[in-house]
Protein backbone atom coordinates (compact mmCIF):
# COMPACT_ATOMS: atom_id res chain seq x y z
CA ASP A 1 -135.81 195.07 -143.09
CA ILE A 2 -136.12 194.10 -146.81
CA CYS A 3 -135.49 190.52 -146.18
CA GLU A 4 -138.70 190.31 -144.00
CA ALA A 5 -140.55 192.42 -146.47
CA PHE A 6 -139.79 189.72 -149.14
CA GLY A 7 -139.83 186.88 -146.76
CA VAL A 8 -136.75 185.56 -147.57
CA SER A 9 -133.50 184.91 -145.57
CA GLU A 10 -130.71 187.72 -144.95
CA ARG A 11 -128.12 185.07 -146.61
CA SER A 12 -130.49 185.19 -149.84
CA CYS A 13 -129.87 188.97 -149.93
CA TYR A 14 -126.25 188.85 -149.52
CA ARG A 15 -125.99 186.24 -152.53
CA TRP A 16 -128.36 188.17 -154.66
CA ARG A 17 -126.32 191.39 -154.12
CA TRP A 18 -123.27 189.22 -154.87
CA ILE A 19 -124.46 188.44 -157.89
CA PHE A 20 -125.65 191.55 -159.03
CA GLU A 21 -122.49 193.41 -158.26
CA GLU A 22 -120.41 190.59 -160.14
CA CYS A 23 -122.78 190.01 -163.13
CA SER A 24 -124.89 193.25 -163.50
CA THR A 25 -127.85 191.23 -163.78
CA ALA A 26 -130.17 189.80 -161.22
CA THR A 27 -129.48 186.11 -162.28
CA LYS A 28 -126.39 184.47 -162.52
CA PRO A 29 -125.55 183.26 -165.93
CA PRO A 30 -125.39 179.39 -166.33
CA SER A 31 -122.25 177.72 -165.76
CA PRO A 32 -120.54 176.50 -168.99
CA LEU A 33 -119.85 172.89 -167.15
CA THR A 34 -123.40 172.08 -167.01
CA GLY A 35 -125.23 170.04 -169.49
CA ARG A 36 -124.17 166.72 -171.50
CA THR A 37 -121.15 166.65 -173.25
CA ARG A 38 -121.51 165.48 -176.80
CA THR A 39 -120.82 161.58 -177.22
CA ILE A 40 -120.91 161.69 -181.12
CA THR A 41 -119.04 164.58 -183.12
CA ARG A 42 -120.67 166.23 -186.26
CA ALA A 43 -118.37 163.98 -188.61
CA LEU A 44 -119.70 160.97 -186.93
CA LEU A 45 -123.25 162.19 -187.21
CA MET A 46 -122.62 162.57 -190.93
CA ALA A 47 -121.00 159.13 -191.60
CA VAL A 48 -124.42 157.66 -189.67
CA LYS A 49 -126.60 159.93 -191.90
CA ASP A 50 -124.60 158.36 -194.85
CA LEU A 51 -124.76 155.03 -193.48
CA PHE A 52 -128.85 155.44 -193.14
CA ALA A 53 -128.75 157.09 -196.66
CA GLU A 54 -127.57 153.48 -197.98
CA ASP A 55 -129.58 151.29 -195.84
CA SER A 56 -132.82 153.11 -194.23
CA ASP A 57 -133.89 149.82 -192.66
CA LEU A 58 -131.00 149.61 -190.18
CA PHE A 59 -131.47 149.26 -186.54
CA LEU A 60 -130.02 151.30 -183.94
CA ASP A 61 -128.09 148.39 -182.46
CA GLU A 62 -126.86 147.51 -186.01
CA VAL A 63 -125.36 151.33 -186.27
CA CYS A 64 -124.11 151.10 -182.91
CA THR A 65 -122.37 147.75 -184.01
CA TRP A 66 -120.88 149.58 -186.86
CA LEU A 67 -120.06 152.56 -184.94
CA ALA A 68 -117.93 150.21 -182.81
CA ILE A 69 -116.45 148.33 -185.48
CA GLU A 70 -115.55 151.29 -187.78
CA HIS A 71 -114.91 154.13 -185.33
CA ASP A 72 -114.15 152.40 -181.95
CA ILE A 73 -116.76 154.26 -180.21
CA ILE A 74 -119.26 152.03 -178.18
CA PHE A 75 -122.19 153.36 -176.21
CA SER A 76 -126.13 152.40 -175.91
CA THR A 77 -128.92 152.67 -178.58
CA SER A 78 -130.76 155.03 -176.18
CA THR A 79 -127.27 157.51 -176.47
CA LEU A 80 -127.26 157.08 -180.39
CA SER A 81 -131.30 157.85 -180.54
CA ARG A 82 -130.82 160.85 -178.22
CA ASN A 83 -128.10 162.12 -180.20
CA LEU A 84 -129.51 161.62 -183.59
CA LYS A 85 -132.99 163.32 -182.33
CA ASP A 86 -130.82 166.17 -180.86
CA ALA A 87 -129.44 166.45 -184.44
CA GLY A 88 -132.91 166.38 -185.74
CA LEU A 89 -131.94 163.10 -187.56
CA THR A 90 -135.46 161.55 -187.07
CA ARG A 91 -136.43 158.40 -188.71
CA LYS A 92 -138.78 160.32 -190.88
CA VAL A 93 -136.09 162.40 -192.22
CA LEU A 94 -133.46 159.69 -192.72
CA ARG A 95 -136.11 157.64 -194.71
CA LYS A 96 -136.91 160.80 -196.75
CA LEU A 97 -133.03 161.20 -197.63
CA THR A 98 -133.15 157.39 -198.65
CA SER A 99 -136.02 157.54 -201.02
CA GLU A 100 -134.53 160.89 -202.49
CA ARG A 101 -131.24 158.99 -203.07
CA ASP A 102 -133.26 156.09 -204.31
CA GLU A 103 -134.95 158.35 -206.87
CA VAL A 104 -131.33 159.73 -208.14
CA CYS A 105 -130.03 155.95 -208.53
CA ARG A 106 -133.34 155.46 -210.30
CA GLN A 107 -133.04 158.47 -212.97
CA GLU A 108 -129.55 157.66 -213.54
CA ILE A 109 -130.33 153.98 -214.49
CA GLN A 110 -132.71 155.36 -216.80
CA SER A 111 -130.39 157.68 -218.70
């Protein structure tokens, strides 16, 4: 028996066969229902990016307060940090954006 040869239960063999017949592959595709849902939308991420561009010295709790007041969204600083990191908006990137903005402002003033 093939189950004994592979050292698996009969139930596993039946399940693998069903998956192969249904999906035409040996592994089941991931469920679309898994994973975290996006807490902060792209529009809000851009608003936060603009906020950091104006003042790069903001703390995450200040940004959370701003989001609660301006956009009526309440979540923790760890959630904000995770979402910013997932979007590629690290502290280093945000500081670079601010310094580039400051350089543009400096050039406008000098002109």
